[in-house]
């Protein structure tokens, strides 16, 4: 355990950040999973709506400093590719 006042504060901050990061990591996974499941079920409307939600959410995570801009763009791009493959298949 921490012995100095500054080390105790650091420990508290680490706990807070860990909780916050876990929340956002879980959100990213769940949002991605929703898009993939909609594509697997071949539901174009649900997939498009889930992609829109993913785009908005990931870019809001960028503004909050959780994701880098490039990372969010890459994730959205890959999900959009999946949804577009569904459009060409239908």
PDB file of N, CA and C in Angstrom:
ATOM      1  N   UNK A   1       0.839  -1.184   0.000  1.00  0.00           N
ATOM      2  CA  UNK A   1       0.000   0.000   0.000  1.00  0.00           C
ATOM      3  C   UNK A   1       0.875   1.235   0.000  1.00  0.00           C
ATOM      4  N   UNK A   2       0.320   2.333  -0.480  1.00  0.00           N
ATOM      5  CA  UNK A   2       1.064   3.588  -0.600  1.00  0.00           C
ATOM      6  C   UNK A   2       1.401   4.154   0.779  1.00  0.00           C
ATOM      7  N   UNK A   3       2.604   4.730   0.910  1.00  0.00           N
ATOM      8  CA  UNK A   3       3.046   5.298   2.177  1.00  0.00           C
ATOM      9  C   UNK A   3       3.028   6.821   2.180  1.00  0.00           C
ATOM     10  N   UNK A   4       3.089   7.432   1.027  1.00  0.00           N
ATOM     11  CA  UNK A   4       3.117   8.891   0.946  1.00  0.00           C
ATOM     12  C   UNK A   4       1.766   9.412   0.481  1.00  0.00           C
ATOM     13  N   UNK A   5       1.510  10.658   0.849  1.00  0.00           N
ATOM     14  CA  UNK A   5       0.232  11.268   0.498  1.00  0.00           C
ATOM     15  C   UNK A   5       0.033  11.307  -1.019  1.00  0.00           C
ATOM     16  N   UNK A   6       1.084  11.643  -1.753  1.00  0.00           N
ATOM     17  CA  UNK A   6       0.982  11.715  -3.212  1.00  0.00           C
ATOM     18  C   UNK A   6       0.760  10.331  -3.813  1.00  0.00           C
ATOM     19  N   UNK A   7       1.368   9.318  -3.221  1.00  0.00           N
ATOM     20  CA  UNK A   7       1.191   7.949  -3.721  1.00  0.00           C
ATOM     21  C   UNK A   7      -0.236   7.461  -3.447  1.00  0.00           C
ATOM     22  N   UNK A   8      -0.797   7.870  -2.316  1.00  0.00           N
ATOM     23  CA  UNK A   8      -2.182   7.503  -2.011  1.00  0.00           C
ATOM     24  C   UNK A   8      -3.137   8.138  -3.017  1.00  0.00           C
ATOM     25  N   UNK A   9      -2.866   9.396  -3.354  1.00  0.00           N
ATOM     26  CA  UNK A   9      -3.692  10.089  -4.339  1.00  0.00           C
ATOM     27  C   UNK A   9      -3.585   9.393  -5.694  1.00  0.00           C
ATOM     28  N   UNK A  10      -2.371   9.012  -6.070  1.00  0.00           N
ATOM     29  CA  UNK A  10      -2.155   8.300  -7.333  1.00  0.00           C
ATOM     30  C   UNK A  10      -2.948   7.001  -7.359  1.00  0.00           C
ATOM     31  N   UNK A  11      -2.974   6.298  -6.249  1.00  0.00           N
ATOM     32  CA  UNK A  11      -3.712   5.037  -6.171  1.00  0.00           C
ATOM     33  C   UNK A  11      -5.203   5.282  -6.365  1.00  0.00           C
ATOM     34  N   UNK A  12      -5.722   6.349  -5.753  1.00  0.00           N
ATOM     35  CA  UNK A  12      -7.138   6.685  -5.929  1.00  0.00           C
ATOM     36  C   UNK A  12      -7.444   7.030  -7.387  1.00  0.00           C
ATOM     37  N   UNK A  13      -6.559   7.813  -7.986  1.00  0.00           N
ATOM     38  CA  UNK A  13      -6.769   8.206  -9.379  1.00  0.00           C
ATOM     39  C   UNK A  13      -6.745   6.995 -10.307  1.00  0.00           C
ATOM     40  N   UNK A  14      -5.845   6.068 -10.026  1.00  0.00           N
ATOM     41  CA  UNK A  14      -5.735   4.867 -10.847  1.00  0.00           C
ATOM     42  C   UNK A  14      -7.015   4.054 -10.783  1.00  0.00           C
ATOM     43  N   UNK A  15      -7.579   3.931  -9.608  1.00  0.00           N
ATOM     44  CA  UNK A  15      -8.828   3.182  -9.454  1.00  0.00           C
ATOM     45  C   UNK A  15      -9.943   3.839 -10.268  1.00  0.00           C
ATOM     46  N   UNK A  16     -10.042   5.172 -10.184  1.00  0.00           N
ATOM     47  CA  UNK A  16     -11.073   5.893 -10.941  1.00  0.00           C
ATOM     48  C   UNK A  16     -10.904   5.712 -12.441  1.00  0.00           C
ATOM     49  N   UNK A  17      -9.666   5.866 -12.889  1.00  0.00           N
ATOM     50  CA  UNK A  17      -9.400   5.744 -14.333  1.00  0.00           C
ATOM     51  C   UNK A  17      -9.664   4.333 -14.829  1.00  0.00           C
ATOM     52  N   UNK A  18      -9.303   3.340 -14.019  1.00  0.00           N
ATOM     53  CA  UNK A  18      -9.518   1.948 -14.403  1.00  0.00           C
ATOM     54  C   UNK A  18     -11.006   1.676 -14.600  1.00  0.00           C
ATOM     55  N   UNK A  19     -11.826   2.164 -13.671  1.00  0.00           N
ATOM     56  CA  UNK A  19     -13.274   2.000 -13.796  1.00  0.00           C
ATOM     57  C   UNK A  19     -13.804   2.670 -15.054  1.00  0.00           C
ATOM     58  N   UNK A  20     -13.363   3.900 -15.295  1.00  0.00           N
ATOM     59  CA  UNK A  20     -13.818   4.652 -16.454  1.00  0.00           C
ATOM     60  C   UNK A  20     -13.409   3.946 -17.742  1.00  0.00           C
ATOM     61  N   UNK A  21     -12.168   3.497 -17.818  1.00  0.00           N
ATOM     62  CA  UNK A  21     -11.681   2.831 -19.022  1.00  0.00           C
ATOM     63  C   UNK A  21     -12.400   1.510 -19.261  1.00  0.00           C
ATOM     64  N   UNK A  22     -12.702   0.792 -18.184  1.00  0.00           N
ATOM     65  CA  UNK A  22     -13.420  -0.475 -18.321  1.00  0.00           C
ATOM     66  C   UNK A  22     -14.808  -0.216 -18.906  1.00  0.00           C
ATOM     67  N   UNK A  23     -15.464   0.844 -18.439  1.00  0.00           N
ATOM     68  CA  UNK A  23     -16.778   1.200 -18.952  1.00  0.00           C
ATOM     69  C   UNK A  23     -16.719   1.464 -20.455  1.00  0.00           C
ATOM     70  N   UNK A  24     -15.760   2.278 -20.891  1.00  0.00           N
ATOM     71  CA  UNK A  24     -15.671   2.625 -22.308  1.00  0.00           C
ATOM     72  C   UNK A  24     -15.250   1.433 -23.162  1.00  0.00           C
ATOM     73  N   UNK A  25     -14.328   0.615 -22.657  1.00  0.00           N
ATOM     74  CA  UNK A  25     -13.916  -0.577 -23.410  1.00  0.00           C
ATOM     75  C   UNK A  25     -15.105  -1.501 -23.629  1.00  0.00           C
ATOM     76  N   UNK A  26     -15.910  -1.682 -22.597  1.00  0.00           N
ATOM     77  CA  UNK A  26     -17.085  -2.540 -22.699  1.00  0.00           C
ATOM     78  C   UNK A  26     -18.081  -1.958 -23.692  1.00  0.00           C
ATOM     79  N   UNK A  27     -18.294  -0.640 -23.652  1.00  0.00           N
ATOM     80  CA  UNK A  27     -19.204   0.015 -24.588  1.00  0.00           C
ATOM     81  C   UNK A  27     -18.745  -0.207 -26.031  1.00  0.00           C
ATOM     82  N   UNK A  28     -17.454  -0.051 -26.283  1.00  0.00           N
ATOM     83  CA  UNK A  28     -16.920  -0.239 -27.641  1.00  0.00           C
ATOM     84  C   UNK A  28     -17.196  -1.664 -28.115  1.00  0.00           C
ATOM     85  N   UNK A  29     -16.941  -2.639 -27.256  1.00  0.00           N
ATOM     86  CA  UNK A  29     -17.165  -4.038 -27.626  1.00  0.00           C
ATOM     87  C   UNK A  29     -18.646  -4.315 -27.890  1.00  0.00           C
ATOM     88  N   UNK A  30     -19.522  -3.794 -27.022  1.00  0.00           N
ATOM     89  CA  UNK A  30     -20.952  -4.049 -27.189  1.00  0.00           C
ATOM     90  C   UNK A  30     -21.517  -3.380 -28.435  1.00  0.00           C
ATOM     91  N   UNK A  31     -21.064  -2.176 -28.718  1.00  0.00           N
ATOM     92  CA  UNK A  31     -21.536  -1.469 -29.911  1.00  0.00           C
ATOM     93  C   UNK A  31     -21.083  -2.209 -31.171  1.00  0.00           C
ATOM     94  N   UNK A  32     -19.831  -2.646 -31.177  1.00  0.00           N
ATOM     95  CA  UNK A  32     -19.297  -3.393 -32.313  1.00  0.00           C
ATOM     96  C   UNK A  32     -20.057  -4.703 -32.489  1.00  0.00           C
ATOM     97  N   UNK A  33     -20.324  -5.358 -31.383  1.00  0.00           N
ATOM     98  CA  UNK A  33     -21.047  -6.635 -31.418  1.00  0.00           C
ATOM     99  C   UNK A  33     -22.452  -6.447 -31.983  1.00  0.00           C
ATOM    100  N   UNK A  34     -23.112  -5.347 -31.635  1.00  0.00           N
ATOM    101  CA  UNK A  34     -24.465  -5.088 -32.135  1.00  0.00           C
ATOM    102  C   UNK A  34     -24.472  -4.955 -33.650  1.00  0.00           C
ATOM    103  N   UNK A  35     -23.470  -4.260 -34.191  1.00  0.00           N
ATOM    104  CA  UNK A  35     -23.393  -4.105 -35.643  1.00  0.00           C
ATOM    105  C   UNK A  35     -23.144  -5.455 -36.302  1.00  0.00           C
ATOM    106  N   UNK A  36     -22.203  -6.208 -35.763  1.00  0.00           N
ATOM    107  CA  UNK A  36     -21.874  -7.514 -36.348  1.00  0.00           C
ATOM    108  C   UNK A  36     -23.063  -8.475 -36.298  1.00  0.00           C
ATOM    109  N   UNK A  37     -23.797  -8.469 -35.189  1.00  0.00           N
ATOM    110  CA  UNK A  37     -24.958  -9.351 -35.085  1.00  0.00           C
ATOM    111  C   UNK A  37     -26.045  -8.952 -36.080  1.00  0.00           C
ATOM    112  N   UNK A  38     -26.238  -7.658 -36.277  1.00  0.00           N
ATOM    113  CA  UNK A  38     -27.236  -7.200 -37.253  1.00  0.00           C
ATOM    114  C   UNK A  38     -26.834  -7.622 -38.662  1.00  0.00           C
ATOM    115  N   UNK A  39     -25.547  -7.562 -38.962  1.00  0.00           N
ATOM    116  CA  UNK A  39     -25.071  -7.981 -40.286  1.00  0.00           C
ATOM    117  C   UNK A  39     -25.236  -9.487 -40.448  1.00  0.00           C
ATOM    118  N   UNK A  40     -24.920 -10.249 -39.404  1.00  0.00           N
ATOM    119  CA  UNK A  40     -25.060 -11.706 -39.479  1.00  0.00           C
ATOM    120  C   UNK A  40     -26.506 -12.128 -39.669  1.00  0.00           C
ATOM    121  N   UNK A  41     -27.440 -11.381 -39.080  1.00  0.00           N
ATOM    122  CA  UNK A  41     -28.854 -11.714 -39.240  1.00  0.00           C
ATOM    123  C   UNK A  41     -29.422 -11.154 -40.550  1.00  0.00           C
ATOM    124  N   UNK A  42     -28.563 -10.479 -41.315  1.00  0.00           N
ATOM    125  CA  UNK A  42     -28.918  -9.918 -42.629  1.00  0.00           C
ATOM    126  C   UNK A  42     -30.064  -8.900 -42.529  1.00  0.00           C
ATOM    127  N   UNK A  43     -30.098  -8.163 -41.444  1.00  0.00           N
ATOM    128  CA  UNK A  43     -31.103  -7.120 -41.239  1.00  0.00           C
ATOM    129  C   UNK A  43     -30.456  -5.775 -41.577  1.00  0.00           C
ATOM    130  N   UNK A  44     -30.706  -5.300 -42.781  1.00  0.00           N
ATOM    131  CA  UNK A  44     -30.045  -4.088 -43.273  1.00  0.00           C
ATOM    132  C   UNK A  44     -30.427  -2.852 -42.464  1.00  0.00           C
ATOM    133  N   UNK A  45     -31.705  -2.727 -42.108  1.00  0.00           N
ATOM    134  CA  UNK A  45     -32.142  -1.553 -41.338  1.00  0.00           C
ATOM    135  C   UNK A  45     -31.488  -1.504 -39.969  1.00  0.00           C
ATOM    136  N   UNK A  46     -31.482  -2.646 -39.286  1.00  0.00           N
ATOM    137  CA  UNK A  46     -30.869  -2.706 -37.949  1.00  0.00           C
ATOM    138  C   UNK A  46     -29.368  -2.466 -38.037  1.00  0.00           C
ATOM    139  N   UNK A  47     -28.732  -3.011 -39.069  1.00  0.00           N
ATOM    140  CA  UNK A  47     -27.292  -2.837 -39.241  1.00  0.00           C
ATOM    141  C   UNK A  47     -26.947  -1.376 -39.512  1.00  0.00           C
ATOM    142  N   UNK A  48     -27.754  -0.721 -40.341  1.00  0.00           N
ATOM    143  CA  UNK A  48     -27.511   0.686 -40.643  1.00  0.00           C
ATOM    144  C   UNK A  48     -27.691   1.546 -39.399  1.00  0.00           C
ATOM    145  N   UNK A  49     -28.726   1.262 -38.633  1.00  0.00           N
ATOM    146  CA  UNK A  49     -28.979   2.016 -37.397  1.00  0.00           C
ATOM    147  C   UNK A  49     -27.855   1.780 -36.381  1.00  0.00           C
ATOM    148  N   UNK A  50     -27.405   0.531 -36.257  1.00  0.00           N
ATOM    149  CA  UNK A  50     -26.332   0.207 -35.320  1.00  0.00           C
ATOM    150  C   UNK A  50     -25.022   0.875 -35.753  1.00  0.00           C
ATOM    151  N   UNK A  51     -24.801   0.952 -37.062  1.00  0.00           N
ATOM    152  CA  UNK A  51     -23.597   1.622 -37.568  1.00  0.00           C
ATOM    153  C   UNK A  51     -23.638   3.112 -37.256  1.00  0.00           C
ATOM    154  N   UNK A  52     -24.807   3.718 -37.396  1.00  0.00           N
ATOM    155  CA  UNK A  52     -24.953   5.135 -37.086  1.00  0.00           C
ATOM    156  C   UNK A  52     -24.653   5.379 -35.601  1.00  0.00           C
ATOM    157  N   UNK A  53     -25.183   4.521 -34.755  1.00  0.00           N
ATOM    158  CA  UNK A  53     -24.921   4.622 -33.312  1.00  0.00           C
ATOM    159  C   UNK A  53     -23.433   4.452 -33.026  1.00  0.00           C
ATOM    160  N   UNK A  54     -22.803   3.492 -33.706  1.00  0.00           N
ATOM    161  CA  UNK A  54     -21.374   3.252 -33.505  1.00  0.00           C
ATOM    162  C   UNK A  54     -20.559   4.475 -33.899  1.00  0.00           C
ATOM    163  N   UNK A  55     -20.893   5.072 -35.022  1.00  0.00           N
ATOM    164  CA  UNK A  55     -20.173   6.249 -35.500  1.00  0.00           C
ATOM    165  C   UNK A  55     -20.271   7.386 -34.487  1.00  0.00           C
ATOM    166  N   UNK A  56     -21.483   7.658 -34.035  1.00  0.00           N
ATOM    167  CA  UNK A  56     -21.682   8.741 -33.067  1.00  0.00           C
ATOM    168  C   UNK A  56     -20.956   8.447 -31.757  1.00  0.00           C
ATOM    169  N   UNK A  57     -21.090   7.233 -31.272  1.00  0.00           N
ATOM    170  CA  UNK A  57     -20.497   6.881 -29.982  1.00  0.00           C
ATOM    171  C   UNK A  57     -18.978   6.924 -30.031  1.00  0.00           C
ATOM    172  N   UNK A  58     -18.395   6.307 -31.053  1.00  0.00           N
ATOM    173  CA  UNK A  58     -16.933   6.248 -31.131  1.00  0.00           C
ATOM    174  C   UNK A  58     -16.336   7.642 -31.232  1.00  0.00           C
ATOM    175  N   UNK A  59     -16.970   8.518 -32.002  1.00  0.00           N
ATOM    176  CA  UNK A  59     -16.427   9.859 -32.134  1.00  0.00           C
ATOM    177  C   UNK A  59     -16.673  10.704 -30.880  1.00  0.00           C
ATOM    178  N   UNK A  60     -17.704  10.379 -30.124  1.00  0.00           N
ATOM    179  CA  UNK A  60     -17.862  11.073 -28.841  1.00  0.00           C
ATOM    180  C   UNK A  60     -16.808  10.582 -27.855  1.00  0.00           C
ATOM    181  N   UNK A  61     -16.408   9.307 -27.969  1.00  0.00           N
ATOM    182  CA  UNK A  61     -15.327   8.791 -27.129  1.00  0.00           C
ATOM    183  C   UNK A  61     -14.013   9.481 -27.467  1.00  0.00           C
ATOM    184  N   UNK A  62     -13.849   9.881 -28.730  1.00  0.00           N
ATOM    185  CA  UNK A  62     -12.652  10.628 -29.136  1.00  0.00           C
ATOM    186  C   UNK A  62     -12.620  11.972 -28.428  1.00  0.00           C
ATOM    187  N   UNK A  63     -13.758  12.653 -28.407  1.00  0.00           N
ATOM    188  CA  UNK A  63     -13.792  13.972 -27.782  1.00  0.00           C
ATOM    189  C   UNK A  63     -13.579  13.884 -26.276  1.00  0.00           C
ATOM    190  N   UNK A  64     -13.898  12.740 -25.694  1.00  0.00           N
ATOM    191  CA  UNK A  64     -13.679  12.547 -24.260  1.00  0.00           C
ATOM    192  C   UNK A  64     -12.264  12.060 -23.958  1.00  0.00           C
ATOM    193  N   UNK A  65     -11.520  11.741 -25.005  1.00  0.00           N
ATOM    194  CA  UNK A  65     -10.132  11.343 -24.821  1.00  0.00           C
ATOM    195  C   UNK A  65      -9.926   9.868 -24.579  1.00  0.00           C
ATOM    196  N   UNK A  66     -10.940   9.053 -24.775  1.00  0.00           N
ATOM    197  CA  UNK A  66     -10.764   7.628 -24.561  1.00  0.00           C
ATOM    198  C   UNK A  66     -10.146   6.955 -25.778  1.00  0.00           C
ATOM    199  N   UNK A  67     -10.619   7.295 -26.966  1.00  0.00           N
ATOM    200  CA  UNK A  67     -10.080   6.738 -28.213  1.00  0.00           C
ATOM    201  C   UNK A  67      -9.329   7.821 -28.970  1.00  0.00           C
ATOM    202  N   UNK A  68      -8.346   7.396 -29.751  1.00  0.00           N
ATOM    203  CA  UNK A  68      -7.704   8.326 -30.668  1.00  0.00           C
ATOM    204  C   UNK A  68      -8.579   8.434 -31.909  1.00  0.00           C
ATOM    205  N   UNK A  69      -8.453   9.563 -32.591  1.00  0.00           N
ATOM    206  CA  UNK A  69      -9.289   9.834 -33.765  1.00  0.00           C
ATOM    207  C   UNK A  69      -9.114   8.755 -34.825  1.00  0.00           C
ATOM    208  N   UNK A  70      -7.886   8.379 -35.069  1.00  0.00           N
ATOM    209  CA  UNK A  70      -7.587   7.382 -36.094  1.00  0.00           C
ATOM    210  C   UNK A  70      -8.187   6.025 -35.728  1.00  0.00           C
ATOM    211  N   UNK A  71      -8.149   5.677 -34.457  1.00  0.00           N
ATOM    212  CA  UNK A  71      -8.693   4.396 -34.000  1.00  0.00           C
ATOM    213  C   UNK A  71     -10.199   4.353 -34.211  1.00  0.00           C
ATOM    214  N   UNK A  72     -10.878   5.412 -33.847  1.00  0.00           N
ATOM    215  CA  UNK A  72     -12.329   5.470 -34.031  1.00  0.00           C
ATOM    216  C   UNK A  72     -12.682   5.380 -35.514  1.00  0.00           C
ATOM    217  N   UNK A  73     -11.948   6.108 -36.341  1.00  0.00           N
ATOM    218  CA  UNK A  73     -12.207   6.087 -37.782  1.00  0.00           C
ATOM    219  C   UNK A  73     -11.988   4.692 -38.354  1.00  0.00           C
ATOM    220  N   UNK A  74     -10.942   4.030 -37.901  1.00  0.00           N
ATOM    221  CA  UNK A  74     -10.647   2.679 -38.393  1.00  0.00           C
ATOM    222  C   UNK A  74     -11.755   1.708 -38.009  1.00  0.00           C
ATOM    223  N   UNK A  75     -12.206   1.776 -36.766  1.00  0.00           N
ATOM    224  CA  UNK A  75     -13.261   0.871 -36.305  1.00  0.00           C
ATOM    225  C   UNK A  75     -14.561   1.116 -37.066  1.00  0.00           C
ATOM    226  N   UNK A  76     -14.927   2.386 -37.243  1.00  0.00           N
ATOM    227  CA  UNK A  76     -16.154   2.719 -37.967  1.00  0.00           C
ATOM    228  C   UNK A  76     -16.035   2.282 -39.422  1.00  0.00           C
ATOM    229  N   UNK A  77     -14.871   2.474 -40.004  1.00  0.00           N
ATOM    230  CA  UNK A  77     -14.658   2.103 -41.400  1.00  0.00           C
ATOM    231  C   UNK A  77     -14.833   0.599 -41.607  1.00  0.00           C
ATOM    232  N   UNK A  78     -14.288  -0.177 -40.706  1.00  0.00           N
ATOM    233  CA  UNK A  78     -14.403  -1.636 -40.834  1.00  0.00           C
ATOM    234  C   UNK A  78     -15.850  -2.094 -40.655  1.00  0.00           C
ATOM    235  N   UNK A  79     -16.559  -1.453 -39.747  1.00  0.00           N
ATOM    236  CA  UNK A  79     -17.969  -1.804 -39.556  1.00  0.00           C
ATOM    237  C   UNK A  79     -18.798  -1.374 -40.773  1.00  0.00           C
ATOM    238  N   UNK A  80     -18.466  -0.212 -41.339  1.00  0.00           N
ATOM    239  CA  UNK A  80     -19.180   0.262 -42.525  1.00  0.00           C
ATOM    240  C   UNK A  80     -18.964  -0.688 -43.700  1.00  0.00           C
ATOM    241  N   UNK A  81     -17.763  -1.229 -43.792  1.00  0.00           N
ATOM    242  CA  UNK A  81     -17.455  -2.196 -44.841  1.00  0.00           C
ATOM    243  C   UNK A  81     -18.362  -3.426 -44.724  1.00  0.00           C
ATOM    244  N   UNK A  82     -18.562  -3.879 -43.487  1.00  0.00           N
ATOM    245  CA  UNK A  82     -19.449  -5.025 -43.260  1.00  0.00           C
ATOM    246  C   UNK A  82     -20.884  -4.712 -43.679  1.00  0.00           C
ATOM    247  N   UNK A  83     -21.363  -3.546 -43.276  1.00  0.00           N
ATOM    248  CA  UNK A  83     -22.741  -3.164 -43.604  1.00  0.00           C
ATOM    249  C   UNK A  83     -22.888  -3.009 -45.113  1.00  0.00           C
ATOM    250  N   UNK A  84     -21.895  -2.415 -45.766  1.00  0.00           N
ATOM    251  CA  UNK A  84     -21.965  -2.254 -47.214  1.00  0.00           C
ATOM    252  C   UNK A  84     -21.915  -3.589 -47.938  1.00  0.00           C
ATOM    253  N   UNK A  85     -21.197  -4.577 -47.392  1.00  0.00           N
ATOM    254  CA  UNK A  85     -21.181  -5.896 -48.013  1.00  0.00           C
ATOM    255  C   UNK A  85     -22.570  -6.519 -47.937  1.00  0.00           C
ATOM    256  N   UNK A  86     -23.303  -6.169 -46.898  1.00  0.00           N
ATOM    257  CA  UNK A  86     -24.679  -6.656 -46.760  1.00  0.00           C
ATOM    258  C   UNK A  86     -25.571  -6.023 -47.824  1.00  0.00           C
ATOM    259  N   UNK A  87     -25.324  -4.740 -48.134  1.00  0.00           N
ATOM    260  CA  UNK A  87     -26.117  -4.040 -49.144  1.00  0.00           C
ATOM    261  C   UNK A  87     -25.913  -4.670 -50.522  1.00  0.00           C
ATOM    262  N   UNK A  88     -24.679  -5.034 -50.869  1.00  0.00           N
ATOM    263  CA  UNK A  88     -24.411  -5.603 -52.176  1.00  0.00           C
ATOM    264  C   UNK A  88     -24.933  -7.028 -52.275  1.00  0.00           C
ATOM    265  N   UNK A  89     -25.011  -7.737 -51.140  1.00  0.00           N
ATOM    266  CA  UNK A  89     -25.498  -9.115 -51.147  1.00  0.00           C
ATOM    267  C   UNK A  89     -27.021  -9.169 -51.303  1.00  0.00           C
ATOM    268  N   UNK A  90     -27.699  -8.127 -50.859  1.00  0.00           N
ATOM    269  CA  UNK A  90     -29.173  -8.136 -50.906  1.00  0.00           C
ATOM    270  C   UNK A  90     -29.692  -7.641 -52.200  1.00  0.00           C
TER     271      UNK A  90
END
